[in-house]
């Protein structure tokens, strides 16, 4: 089966949180990890899974507090997400993995790829900021988000969260996620550490993305040797949903061809 359904997965206990993960695709294929964006879940990738090669074993992880994962008492941070994801990979005995990460998931991917002994073989990021400064126009957008605003924009996603999450509290989750988005310290965005990344990197953004500017994406490309930038026209932040066919063609080529 080539989709995630929040029915066939498992939970891994990490301290006082339970992290949900699920597999799909070819069980004997190359592992491809999919990391969703803030306030989303693994099902956000279903539209592109069917377009990706059958040679992959897809692994979806609901980030802490999202989907069917519980939050626990720890403060949310990209470092915490990274630790959770690496714990799941260790549990699954996966020593090498390629990643497609959207927004927050891509930021986690940057952090993982920037580790000295990284497990990341190839990394595709979509609309994923690699740094954030207080004078960045997106900072006020992220800092000012409320649960009511999100419910008005994405009512179906909130209803789905409340349906599948074991301990749903959307207001509390939004407050914790906003804290994560505006964390400018070492547990947040990788910043200049992206220069450590050695694996092939494909940076993808939609031309109308208000969070990751073309300038920021271009600067990231200049910092990571051998990386590539795909700017897709007529697409926004959720570029994989706005232009799934174009994205899938590029991702297929990047992930399956030698780099």
Protein backbone atom coordinates (compact mmCIF):
# COMPACT_ATOMS: atom_id res chain seq x y z
CA UNK A 1 0.00 0.00 0.00
CA UNK A 2 1.35 3.41 -0.99
CA UNK A 3 -0.25 5.71 1.55
CA UNK A 4 -0.33 6.44 5.26
CA UNK A 5 -3.60 5.91 7.13
CA UNK A 6 -2.93 6.25 10.88
CA UNK A 7 -4.10 2.66 11.30
CA UNK A 8 -1.16 0.37 10.53
CA UNK A 9 1.62 1.99 12.54
CA UNK A 10 3.27 1.71 15.94
CA UNK A 11 4.13 3.95 18.88
CA UNK A 12 7.60 4.28 20.36
CA UNK A 13 7.73 5.42 23.99
CA UNK A 14 10.27 8.23 24.43
CA UNK A 15 10.31 9.49 28.02
CA UNK A 16 6.69 10.52 28.69
CA UNK A 17 5.71 10.88 25.02
CA UNK A 18 4.55 8.27 22.51
CA UNK A 19 5.83 8.87 18.98
CA UNK A 20 3.78 7.36 16.17
CA UNK A 21 5.35 6.02 12.98
CA UNK A 22 4.09 4.08 10.02
CA UNK A 23 5.53 2.38 6.94
CA UNK A 24 4.17 2.07 3.41
CA UNK A 25 5.38 1.17 -0.06
CA UNK A 26 7.94 -1.55 -0.76
CA UNK A 27 8.84 -3.26 2.54
CA UNK A 28 12.17 -4.37 1.04
CA UNK A 29 12.95 -1.06 -0.61
CA UNK A 30 15.36 1.73 0.18
CA UNK A 31 14.21 3.66 3.27
CA UNK A 32 12.75 7.09 2.52
CA UNK A 33 11.72 9.11 5.56
CA UNK A 34 8.93 11.67 5.23
CA UNK A 35 8.73 14.46 7.80
CA UNK A 36 5.66 16.69 7.74
CA UNK A 37 5.24 20.37 8.56
CA UNK A 38 4.00 22.21 11.62
CA UNK A 39 0.46 21.33 12.75
CA UNK A 40 0.25 18.65 10.05
CA UNK A 41 0.77 14.88 10.02
CA UNK A 42 2.06 12.01 7.90
CA UNK A 43 -1.08 11.92 5.73
CA UNK A 44 -0.05 15.25 4.20
CA UNK A 45 2.33 13.27 1.98
CA UNK A 46 -0.23 10.84 0.56
CA UNK A 47 -0.69 12.91 -2.59
CA UNK A 48 2.95 12.40 -3.60
CA UNK A 49 3.59 8.86 -2.33
CA UNK A 50 1.70 7.38 -5.26
CA UNK A 51 3.86 9.44 -7.63
CA UNK A 52 7.20 8.30 -6.18
CA UNK A 53 9.12 5.19 -7.31
CA UNK A 54 8.07 1.80 -5.99
CA UNK A 55 11.66 1.03 -5.01
CA UNK A 56 11.26 2.94 -1.73
CA UNK A 57 10.10 1.86 1.69
CA UNK A 58 8.29 4.94 3.01
CA UNK A 59 8.59 5.78 6.70
CA UNK A 60 6.30 8.45 8.10
CA UNK A 61 6.73 9.86 11.59
CA UNK A 62 4.18 12.11 13.30
CA UNK A 63 6.24 14.80 15.00
CA UNK A 64 5.77 15.10 18.75
CA UNK A 65 2.24 16.34 19.56
CA UNK A 66 1.05 15.93 15.96
CA UNK A 67 -1.10 13.26 14.32
CA UNK A 68 -1.15 10.26 16.65
CA UNK A 69 1.97 11.29 18.60
CA UNK A 70 1.54 12.67 22.09
CA UNK A 71 3.38 15.75 23.31
CA UNK A 72 4.72 14.75 26.69
CA UNK A 73 5.94 17.36 29.15
CA UNK A 74 9.06 18.49 27.24
CA UNK A 75 9.25 21.84 25.49
CA UNK A 76 8.92 21.47 21.74
CA UNK A 77 12.03 22.30 19.73
CA UNK A 78 13.63 21.25 16.48
CA UNK A 79 16.32 19.55 18.55
CA UNK A 80 13.62 17.54 20.34
CA UNK A 81 12.01 16.56 17.04
CA UNK A 82 15.43 15.50 15.75
CA UNK A 83 16.06 13.38 18.81
CA UNK A 84 12.66 11.69 18.45
CA UNK A 85 13.20 10.95 14.75
CA UNK A 86 16.67 9.53 15.35
CA UNK A 87 15.27 7.33 18.14
CA UNK A 88 12.68 5.88 15.75
CA UNK A 89 15.35 5.20 13.11
CA UNK A 90 17.51 3.48 15.73
CA UNK A 91 14.51 1.40 16.84
CA UNK A 92 13.94 0.36 13.21
CA UNK A 93 17.66 -0.45 12.83
CA UNK A 94 18.03 2.00 9.94
CA UNK A 95 21.60 3.21 9.51
CA UNK A 96 21.17 5.11 6.24
CA UNK A 97 18.10 6.99 5.01
CA UNK A 98 17.01 9.60 2.50
CA UNK A 99 14.58 12.28 3.67
CA UNK A 100 11.80 14.39 2.21
CA UNK A 101 10.95 17.08 4.74
CA UNK A 102 8.30 19.78 4.43
CA UNK A 103 8.72 23.04 6.38
CA UNK A 104 9.35 21.96 10.01
CA UNK A 105 10.18 18.47 8.75
CA UNK A 106 12.76 19.93 6.39
CA UNK A 107 14.31 21.93 9.22
CA UNK A 108 14.69 18.69 11.17
CA UNK A 109 16.26 17.22 8.03
CA UNK A 110 18.83 20.03 7.88
CA UNK A 111 19.75 19.42 11.51
CA UNK A 112 20.11 15.68 10.95
CA UNK A 113 22.20 16.13 7.80
CA UNK A 114 24.48 18.59 9.58
CA UNK A 115 25.53 16.00 12.18
CA UNK A 116 29.13 14.79 11.93
CA UNK A 117 28.11 11.13 11.64
CA UNK A 118 24.86 11.72 9.79
CA UNK A 119 22.63 8.87 8.63
CA UNK A 120 21.19 11.05 5.87
CA UNK A 121 22.01 9.79 2.38
CA UNK A 122 20.04 12.41 0.41
CA UNK A 123 17.84 15.27 1.58
CA UNK A 124 14.91 17.00 -0.14
CA UNK A 125 13.42 19.99 1.65
CA UNK A 126 10.23 21.84 0.75
CA UNK A 127 9.65 25.38 1.97
CA UNK A 128 12.03 24.78 4.87
CA UNK A 129 13.78 27.75 6.46
CA UNK A 130 17.36 27.13 7.51
CA UNK A 131 17.60 30.20 9.73
CA UNK A 132 15.30 32.85 11.17
CA UNK A 133 16.02 36.38 12.33
CA UNK A 134 13.70 38.70 14.21
CA UNK A 135 13.75 41.16 11.32
CA UNK A 136 12.69 38.48 8.82
CA UNK A 137 9.13 39.29 7.62
CA UNK A 138 8.07 35.72 8.38
CA UNK A 139 9.01 36.05 12.07
CA UNK A 140 5.97 38.16 12.94
CA UNK A 141 3.74 35.84 10.89
CA UNK A 142 4.93 32.82 12.86
CA UNK A 143 4.96 34.55 16.25
CA UNK A 144 1.45 35.90 15.82
CA UNK A 145 -0.30 32.68 14.83
CA UNK A 146 -3.17 31.57 17.07
CA UNK A 147 -5.26 28.42 17.22
CA UNK A 148 -8.32 30.37 16.03
CA UNK A 149 -6.43 31.65 12.98
CA UNK A 150 -5.33 28.14 12.05
CA UNK A 151 -8.82 26.73 12.57
CA UNK A 152 -10.22 29.35 10.21
CA UNK A 153 -7.62 28.58 7.52
CA UNK A 154 -7.47 24.78 7.88
CA UNK A 155 -10.63 23.55 9.64
CA UNK A 156 -10.39 20.04 8.19
CA UNK A 157 -6.85 19.52 9.48
CA UNK A 158 -7.89 20.55 13.00
CA UNK A 159 -10.88 18.21 12.96
CA UNK A 160 -8.61 15.40 11.77
CA UNK A 161 -6.10 16.12 14.54
CA UNK A 162 -8.86 16.01 17.15
CA UNK A 163 -10.05 12.70 15.70
CA UNK A 164 -6.74 10.81 15.67
CA UNK A 165 -4.64 12.33 18.46
CA UNK A 166 -4.77 10.35 21.74
CA UNK A 167 -4.78 13.52 23.87
CA UNK A 168 -5.98 16.37 21.65
CA UNK A 169 -5.48 19.94 22.88
CA UNK A 170 -5.07 22.10 19.82
CA UNK A 171 -4.76 25.40 21.68
CA UNK A 172 -1.89 24.05 23.78
CA UNK A 173 -0.21 22.51 20.73
CA UNK A 174 -0.29 25.79 18.79
CA UNK A 175 1.29 27.67 21.69
CA UNK A 176 4.09 25.09 21.90
CA UNK A 177 4.63 25.09 18.15
CA UNK A 178 4.80 28.90 18.03
CA UNK A 179 7.47 28.67 20.73
CA UNK A 180 9.38 26.24 18.52
CA UNK A 181 9.04 28.44 15.43
CA UNK A 182 10.41 31.48 17.27
CA UNK A 183 13.27 29.66 19.01
CA UNK A 184 16.39 31.48 17.81
CA UNK A 185 18.76 29.50 20.04
CA UNK A 186 20.85 26.36 19.45
CA UNK A 187 17.82 24.05 19.78
CA UNK A 188 16.16 25.82 16.84
CA UNK A 189 17.17 26.47 13.25
CA UNK A 190 20.55 25.08 12.10
CA UNK A 191 21.76 28.42 10.72
CA UNK A 192 25.38 28.44 9.58
CA UNK A 193 25.72 24.77 10.58
CA UNK A 194 24.19 23.89 7.20
CA UNK A 195 27.70 24.30 5.81
CA UNK A 196 28.52 20.97 7.46
CA UNK A 197 26.00 19.14 5.25
CA UNK A 198 27.83 16.71 2.98
CA UNK A 199 24.94 14.72 1.49
CA UNK A 200 23.23 15.75 -1.77
CA UNK A 201 20.57 18.37 -1.02
CA UNK A 202 17.62 19.46 -3.17
CA UNK A 203 16.01 22.68 -1.94
CA UNK A 204 12.44 23.08 -3.21
CA UNK A 205 10.19 26.11 -2.79
CA UNK A 206 7.06 27.48 -4.38
CA UNK A 207 7.44 30.82 -6.12
CA UNK A 208 4.72 32.31 -3.88
CA UNK A 209 6.10 30.96 -0.58
CA UNK A 210 5.86 33.71 2.05
CA UNK A 211 8.01 31.87 4.61
CA UNK A 212 11.09 30.81 2.63
CA UNK A 213 12.12 33.64 0.33
CA UNK A 214 13.94 33.04 -2.94
CA UNK A 215 16.85 35.03 -1.55
CA UNK A 216 17.11 32.81 1.55
CA UNK A 217 16.85 29.66 -0.56
CA UNK A 218 19.55 30.95 -2.89
CA UNK A 219 21.87 31.75 -0.01
CA UNK A 220 21.36 28.25 1.39
CA UNK A 221 22.28 26.79 -1.98
CA UNK A 222 25.50 28.82 -1.98
CA UNK A 223 26.41 27.54 1.49
CA UNK A 224 25.86 23.82 0.85
CA UNK A 225 28.32 22.48 -1.70
CA UNK A 226 26.71 20.48 -4.48
CA UNK A 227 23.14 21.40 -3.55
CA UNK A 228 20.42 22.27 -6.05
CA UNK A 229 17.49 24.69 -5.96
CA UNK A 230 14.11 24.07 -7.57
CA UNK A 231 11.78 27.08 -7.58
CA UNK A 232 8.34 25.97 -8.81
CA UNK A 233 6.09 28.64 -10.36
CA UNK A 234 2.44 29.09 -9.38
CA UNK A 235 2.97 27.26 -6.09
CA UNK A 236 2.98 28.41 -2.48
CA UNK A 237 4.39 27.11 0.79
CA UNK A 238 2.75 23.68 0.36
CA UNK A 239 4.54 23.23 -2.93
CA UNK A 240 4.16 19.42 -2.92
CA UNK A 241 0.37 19.85 -2.81
CA UNK A 242 0.19 22.76 -5.26
CA UNK A 243 2.43 21.10 -7.88
CA UNK A 244 2.66 17.39 -6.99
CA UNK A 245 3.57 16.20 -10.48
CA UNK A 246 6.44 18.64 -10.99
CA UNK A 247 7.76 17.95 -7.51
CA UNK A 248 7.51 14.17 -7.92
CA UNK A 249 9.44 14.22 -11.22
CA UNK A 250 12.24 16.24 -9.64
CA UNK A 251 12.31 14.16 -6.45
CA UNK A 252 12.31 10.90 -8.43
CA UNK A 253 15.30 12.02 -10.50
CA UNK A 254 17.18 13.37 -7.48
CA UNK A 255 16.60 10.34 -5.26
CA UNK A 256 17.20 7.60 -7.83
CA UNK A 257 20.10 8.97 -9.88
CA UNK A 258 23.72 9.04 -8.65
CA UNK A 259 24.75 12.40 -7.17
